[in-house]
Amino acid sequence: MKNVLMGLLRNKKALAGLIILAIIIIAALAAPLLTQFDPARRVGLPHQPPSADHWLGTTRIGQDVFARLLYGARTSLAVGFGAGFIITAIGTIMGIAAGYKGGKIDEAISFLTNMVLVVPNLPLLLVLAAFIGQASPAVIALILGGTSWAWGARVTRAETLSIKQKDFIKAAEMLGEPSWRIMATEILPNLISIVGINFIGSIVFAVITEATLEFLGLGDPQAVSWGVMLYSAQNASALQVGAWWDILTPCFALVLLGASLSLLNFAIDEVANPRLRTGNSLARWVGRVRAGEGRL
């Protein structure tokens, strides 16, 4: 665990991703300090372009886009981290239990996992959201968490099967350690990198999927989130009337958040998998080649 954290701190991708993510989170938490406007109230003229009073302009009904961006970040981040936690928790518990216990438990969990994997995820989400009606962000997070854990469970199970054969697991079993303790204190710490990759990937998936569902009109239009901003801008024909700020602002926010989380994901993968750490080796190889040319 310590080696992974130290490796992340020295990784440029991880550092860049953390800085961008920290800025987004701080801006969301400090929204009342950064703007005086209520994101749900009319505070200006319709589709007013960016100005000193409204830094990112206004919407079709005169709402401040900058205020909606900051407060919308709270909702989108809450859905992303909430759904990501549910997905990761279910996938990790299922995967470790299936891989370590084996037998009928493994067969039952594998059967359930295969069932979830067979059903196309996005069409299932569309059907559930349409059945519920105008789903709130919390409901969307629960739907995502309950339908998207199977891939994480499959990967965790495969890693658990490998770790299960290690000597320290056999020693713990010979000492009479209970199964839950072995899974929690011996196997889980060795899966931290896999769990981290699964968690960050799940956050990206949840944020993008939430925005997609809300853009299609399956979310709560009264909520303030980046997906609802896109839905409102599309209904107001923002691009057609030249109000580019209304639709590009949430698009840029989603891209920035996705880029920061993707950088973190790549960094964890590089730290956890030594074969991907080619940067320093390549630099040393280039240095040796140049030194050889100098001697010639």
Protein backbone atom coordinates (compact mmCIF):
# COMPACT_ATOMS: atom_id res chain seq x y z
CA MET A 1 0.00 0.00 0.00
CA LYS A 2 2.79 2.40 0.95
CA ASN A 3 4.72 1.61 -2.23
CA VAL A 4 1.62 2.31 -4.35
CA LEU A 5 1.08 5.70 -2.69
CA MET A 6 4.74 6.68 -3.07
CA GLY A 7 4.65 5.60 -6.70
CA LEU A 8 1.55 7.73 -7.35
CA LEU A 9 3.16 10.79 -5.76
CA ARG A 10 6.12 10.45 -8.14
CA ASN A 11 3.93 9.83 -11.20
CA LYS A 12 3.31 12.92 -13.35
CA LYS A 13 -0.01 11.65 -14.65
CA ALA A 14 -1.28 11.04 -11.13
CA LEU A 15 -0.09 14.48 -10.01
CA ALA A 16 -1.82 16.22 -12.92
CA GLY A 17 -5.02 14.25 -12.37
CA LEU A 18 -5.05 14.97 -8.65
CA ILE A 19 -4.53 18.71 -9.19
CA ILE A 20 -7.40 18.95 -11.70
CA LEU A 21 -9.71 16.83 -9.53
CA ALA A 22 -8.83 18.84 -6.43
CA ILE A 23 -9.65 22.11 -8.23
CA ILE A 24 -13.05 20.74 -9.31
CA ILE A 25 -13.89 19.46 -5.81
CA ILE A 26 -12.76 22.67 -4.08
CA ALA A 27 -14.74 24.80 -6.55
CA ALA A 28 -17.85 22.68 -5.92
CA LEU A 29 -17.52 22.88 -2.13
CA ALA A 30 -16.80 26.61 -2.22
CA ALA A 31 -19.69 27.41 -4.58
CA PRO A 32 -21.44 29.80 -2.13
CA LEU A 33 -18.18 31.75 -1.80
CA LEU A 34 -17.44 31.90 -5.52
CA THR A 35 -20.85 33.07 -6.70
CA GLN A 36 -23.66 35.11 -5.22
CA PHE A 37 -26.36 33.73 -7.52
CA ASP A 38 -28.87 30.97 -6.86
CA PRO A 39 -28.46 28.39 -9.66
CA ALA A 40 -32.21 27.80 -9.88
CA ARG A 41 -33.38 31.44 -9.95
CA ARG A 42 -33.60 33.92 -12.81
CA VAL A 43 -30.93 36.56 -12.28
CA GLY A 44 -30.40 38.06 -15.75
CA LEU A 45 -31.67 38.43 -19.29
CA PRO A 46 -32.22 35.31 -21.44
CA HIS A 47 -29.04 34.04 -23.12
CA GLN A 48 -26.95 36.95 -21.97
CA PRO A 49 -23.34 36.44 -23.18
CA PRO A 50 -20.41 36.24 -20.73
CA SER A 51 -19.76 39.54 -18.98
CA ALA A 52 -18.38 40.99 -15.77
CA ASP A 53 -21.72 40.35 -14.04
CA HIS A 54 -22.21 36.83 -15.41
CA TRP A 55 -18.82 35.26 -16.10
CA LEU A 56 -20.22 32.42 -18.22
CA GLY A 57 -23.40 34.11 -19.39
CA THR A 58 -26.97 33.09 -18.66
CA THR A 59 -29.37 30.37 -19.79
CA ARG A 60 -32.55 30.69 -21.84
CA ILE A 61 -34.52 31.59 -18.70
CA GLY A 62 -31.86 33.91 -17.29
CA GLN A 63 -30.08 31.59 -14.84
CA ASP A 64 -26.38 32.20 -14.18
CA VAL A 65 -24.37 29.50 -15.99
CA PHE A 66 -21.34 29.84 -13.69
CA ALA A 67 -23.50 29.27 -10.61
CA ARG A 68 -25.13 26.24 -12.24
CA LEU A 69 -21.68 24.91 -13.18
CA LEU A 70 -20.43 25.08 -9.57
CA TYR A 71 -23.55 23.71 -7.91
CA GLY A 72 -23.99 21.14 -10.69
CA ALA A 73 -20.51 19.84 -9.91
CA ARG A 74 -21.75 18.90 -6.44
CA THR A 75 -24.51 16.71 -7.87
CA SER A 76 -22.38 15.12 -10.60
CA LEU A 77 -19.53 14.37 -8.19
CA ALA A 78 -21.94 12.97 -5.59
CA VAL A 79 -23.50 10.65 -8.17
CA GLY A 80 -20.08 9.63 -9.51
CA PHE A 81 -18.48 8.89 -6.14
CA GLY A 82 -21.65 7.38 -4.69
CA ALA A 83 -22.25 5.02 -7.62
CA GLY A 84 -18.52 4.30 -7.85
CA PHE A 85 -18.45 3.26 -4.18
CA ILE A 86 -21.47 0.98 -4.59
CA ILE A 87 -20.09 -0.61 -7.77
CA THR A 88 -16.65 -1.16 -6.23
CA ALA A 89 -17.97 -2.46 -2.91
CA ILE A 90 -20.33 -5.01 -4.49
CA GLY A 91 -17.77 -6.10 -7.10
CA THR A 92 -14.97 -6.46 -4.55
CA ILE A 93 -17.04 -8.42 -2.02
CA MET A 94 -18.51 -10.69 -4.70
CA GLY A 95 -15.15 -11.25 -6.40
CA ILE A 96 -13.21 -12.07 -3.22
CA ALA A 97 -15.94 -14.35 -1.90
CA ALA A 98 -16.23 -16.23 -5.18
CA GLY A 99 -12.49 -16.58 -5.68
CA TYR A 100 -11.59 -17.62 -2.15
CA LYS A 101 -14.56 -19.75 -1.08
CA GLY A 102 -15.00 -21.60 -4.38
CA GLY A 103 -17.50 -24.44 -4.66
CA LYS A 104 -21.22 -23.63 -4.73
CA ILE A 105 -20.61 -20.05 -3.56
CA ASP A 106 -18.35 -19.47 -6.56
CA GLU A 107 -20.89 -21.11 -8.88
CA ALA A 108 -23.78 -18.98 -7.55
CA ILE A 109 -21.85 -15.70 -7.73
CA SER A 110 -20.44 -16.53 -11.16
CA PHE A 111 -23.95 -17.35 -12.42
CA LEU A 112 -25.27 -14.01 -11.11
CA THR A 113 -22.27 -12.16 -12.55
CA ASN A 114 -22.76 -13.75 -15.97
CA MET A 115 -26.43 -12.79 -15.91
CA VAL A 116 -25.57 -9.16 -15.26
CA LEU A 117 -22.85 -9.20 -17.92
CA VAL A 118 -25.17 -10.66 -20.58
CA VAL A 119 -27.72 -7.84 -20.25
CA PRO A 120 -26.59 -4.70 -22.20
CA ASN A 121 -25.92 -2.05 -19.58
CA LEU A 122 -27.05 1.15 -21.28
CA PRO A 123 -30.36 -0.22 -22.66
CA LEU A 124 -31.10 -1.63 -19.18
CA LEU A 125 -30.42 1.76 -17.61
CA LEU A 126 -32.66 3.47 -20.16
CA VAL A 127 -35.50 1.02 -19.47
CA LEU A 128 -35.18 1.37 -15.68
CA ALA A 129 -34.96 5.16 -15.83
CA ALA A 130 -37.95 5.33 -18.18
CA PHE A 131 -39.95 3.00 -15.91
CA ILE A 132 -39.19 5.12 -12.84
CA GLY A 133 -39.93 8.36 -14.69
CA GLN A 134 -37.99 11.49 -13.76
CA ALA A 135 -35.26 9.80 -11.73
CA SER A 136 -33.46 11.94 -9.17
CA PRO A 137 -29.62 11.91 -9.05
CA ALA A 138 -29.75 9.64 -5.98
CA VAL A 139 -31.96 7.12 -7.81
CA ILE A 140 -29.65 7.22 -10.84
CA ALA A 141 -26.67 6.50 -8.56
CA LEU A 142 -28.49 3.50 -7.05
CA ILE A 143 -29.45 2.17 -10.49
CA LEU A 144 -25.87 2.50 -11.72
CA GLY A 145 -24.49 0.87 -8.58
CA GLY A 146 -26.86 -2.07 -8.77
CA THR A 147 -26.34 -2.86 -12.46
CA SER A 148 -22.65 -2.14 -13.14
CA TRP A 149 -20.62 -4.20 -10.66
CA ALA A 150 -20.15 -7.40 -12.69
CA TRP A 151 -16.91 -6.52 -14.54
CA GLY A 152 -15.21 -5.53 -11.28
CA ALA A 153 -16.35 -8.77 -9.66
CA ARG A 154 -14.93 -10.82 -12.55
CA VAL A 155 -11.51 -9.14 -12.38
CA THR A 156 -11.38 -9.32 -8.57
CA ARG A 157 -12.27 -13.02 -8.63
CA ALA A 158 -9.44 -13.77 -11.08
CA GLU A 159 -6.88 -11.94 -8.91
CA THR A 160 -8.20 -13.64 -5.76
CA LEU A 161 -7.74 -17.08 -7.34
CA SER A 162 -4.08 -16.19 -7.92
CA ILE A 163 -3.48 -14.79 -4.43
CA LYS A 164 -5.29 -17.75 -2.85
CA GLN A 165 -2.37 -20.00 -3.79
CA LYS A 166 0.28 -17.87 -2.06
CA ASP A 167 2.20 -19.23 0.91
CA PHE A 168 1.00 -16.58 3.36
CA ILE A 169 -2.63 -17.55 2.67
CA LYS A 170 -1.82 -21.22 3.28
CA ALA A 171 -0.01 -20.29 6.50
CA ALA A 172 -3.02 -18.28 7.74
CA GLU A 173 -5.31 -21.22 7.00
CA MET A 174 -3.02 -23.62 8.89
CA LEU A 175 -3.09 -21.27 11.89
CA GLY A 176 -6.88 -21.55 11.94
CA GLU A 177 -7.70 -18.00 10.85
CA PRO A 178 -11.42 -17.61 9.98
CA SER A 179 -12.28 -17.13 6.33
CA TRP A 180 -13.63 -13.59 6.76
CA ARG A 181 -10.40 -12.49 8.43
CA ILE A 182 -8.25 -14.00 5.68
CA MET A 183 -10.34 -12.29 3.02
CA ALA A 184 -10.32 -8.92 4.84
CA THR A 185 -6.75 -8.74 6.14
CA GLU A 186 -4.74 -10.99 3.82
CA ILE A 187 -6.40 -10.90 0.39
CA LEU A 188 -8.00 -7.43 0.25
CA PRO A 189 -4.76 -5.45 0.94
CA ASN A 190 -3.15 -7.22 -2.01
CA LEU A 191 -5.99 -6.10 -4.26
CA ILE A 192 -5.71 -2.37 -3.51
CA SER A 193 -4.48 -1.48 -7.00
CA ILE A 194 -7.29 -3.47 -8.65
CA VAL A 195 -9.87 -1.91 -6.32
CA GLY A 196 -8.49 1.58 -7.00
CA ILE A 197 -8.64 1.12 -10.78
CA ASN A 198 -12.17 -0.26 -10.50
CA PHE A 199 -13.28 2.64 -8.27
CA ILE A 200 -11.92 5.41 -10.49
CA GLY A 201 -13.19 3.76 -13.66
CA SER A 202 -16.62 3.39 -12.05
CA ILE A 203 -16.69 7.10 -11.17
CA VAL A 204 -15.96 8.07 -14.78
CA PHE A 205 -18.63 5.65 -16.01
CA ALA A 206 -21.21 6.92 -13.49
CA VAL A 207 -20.66 10.62 -14.23
CA ILE A 208 -20.85 10.14 -18.01
CA THR A 209 -23.85 7.80 -17.79
CA GLU A 210 -25.72 10.15 -15.46
CA ALA A 211 -25.14 13.03 -17.89
CA THR A 212 -26.32 10.81 -20.77
CA LEU A 213 -29.54 9.81 -19.01
CA GLU A 214 -30.31 13.39 -18.01
CA PHE A 215 -29.48 14.69 -21.48
CA LEU A 216 -32.04 12.24 -22.87
CA GLY A 217 -34.64 13.68 -20.48
CA LEU A 218 -34.77 10.73 -18.08
CA GLY A 219 -33.49 12.73 -15.09
CA ASP A 220 -35.13 15.27 -12.83
CA PRO A 221 -35.20 18.60 -14.77
CA GLN A 222 -35.47 20.49 -11.47
CA ALA A 223 -32.11 19.17 -10.28
CA VAL A 224 -28.91 21.13 -10.85
CA SER A 225 -26.29 18.95 -12.52
CA TRP A 226 -24.12 18.99 -15.62
CA GLY A 227 -26.44 16.54 -17.38
CA VAL A 228 -29.48 18.72 -16.70
CA MET A 229 -27.52 21.72 -17.98
CA LEU A 230 -26.99 19.88 -21.28
CA TYR A 231 -30.66 18.88 -21.42
CA SER A 232 -31.83 22.46 -20.79
CA ALA A 233 -29.38 23.91 -23.33
CA GLN A 234 -30.53 21.44 -25.98
CA ASN A 235 -34.21 22.22 -25.34
CA ALA A 236 -33.43 25.93 -25.57
CA SER A 237 -31.64 25.41 -28.95
CA ALA A 238 -28.54 27.06 -27.50
CA LEU A 239 -26.27 26.31 -30.48
CA GLN A 240 -28.88 27.38 -33.02
CA VAL A 241 -29.31 30.81 -31.42
CA GLY A 242 -25.55 31.29 -30.87
CA ALA A 243 -25.54 30.80 -27.08
CA TRP A 244 -22.46 28.57 -27.22
CA TRP A 245 -21.59 29.20 -23.56
CA ASP A 246 -24.79 27.50 -22.43
CA ILE A 247 -23.89 24.08 -23.85
CA LEU A 248 -20.08 24.18 -24.04
CA THR A 249 -19.68 24.93 -20.32
CA PRO A 250 -21.03 21.57 -19.04
CA CYS A 251 -19.33 19.76 -21.95
CA PHE A 252 -15.95 21.20 -20.98
CA ALA A 253 -16.58 20.37 -17.30
CA LEU A 254 -17.37 16.74 -18.12
CA VAL A 255 -14.28 16.45 -20.34
CA LEU A 256 -12.07 17.98 -17.64
CA LEU A 257 -13.39 15.68 -14.91
CA GLY A 258 -13.10 12.63 -17.17
CA ALA A 259 -9.53 13.57 -18.12
CA SER A 260 -8.45 13.98 -14.49
CA LEU A 261 -9.91 10.63 -13.45
CA SER A 262 -8.48 8.90 -16.53
CA LEU A 263 -5.01 10.23 -15.72
CA LEU A 264 -5.34 8.82 -12.20
CA ASN A 265 -6.51 5.51 -13.61
CA PHE A 266 -3.56 5.29 -16.00
CA ALA A 267 -1.17 6.21 -13.19
CA ILE A 268 -2.49 3.50 -10.85
CA ASP A 269 -2.21 0.98 -13.68
CA GLU A 270 1.39 1.98 -14.31
CA VAL A 271 2.34 1.82 -10.62
CA ALA A 272 0.60 -1.53 -10.12
CA ASN A 273 1.99 -3.06 -13.34
CA PRO A 274 5.79 -2.62 -13.60
CA ARG A 275 5.74 -3.64 -17.28
CA LEU A 276 3.93 -0.38 -18.10
CA ARG A 277 6.57 1.81 -16.46
CA THR A 278 8.54 2.48 -19.64
CA GLY A 279 9.26 6.15 -19.17
CA ASN A 280 12.41 5.92 -17.03
CA SER A 281 13.70 2.86 -18.89
CA LEU A 282 13.30 4.61 -22.22
CA ALA A 283 15.14 7.68 -20.93
CA ARG A 284 18.02 5.52 -19.69
CA TRP A 285 18.16 3.67 -23.03
CA VAL A 286 18.30 6.94 -24.99
CA GLY A 287 21.04 8.18 -22.68
CA ARG A 288 23.12 5.04 -23.25
CA VAL A 289 22.69 5.30 -27.05
CA ARG A 290 23.84 8.93 -27.04
CA ALA A 291 26.78 8.08 -24.81
CA GLY A 292 27.77 5.31 -27.22
CA GLU A 293 27.56 7.71 -30.18
CA GLY A 294 29.77 10.16 -28.30
CA ARG A 295 32.46 7.54 -27.77
CA LEU A 296 32.35 6.69 -31.48
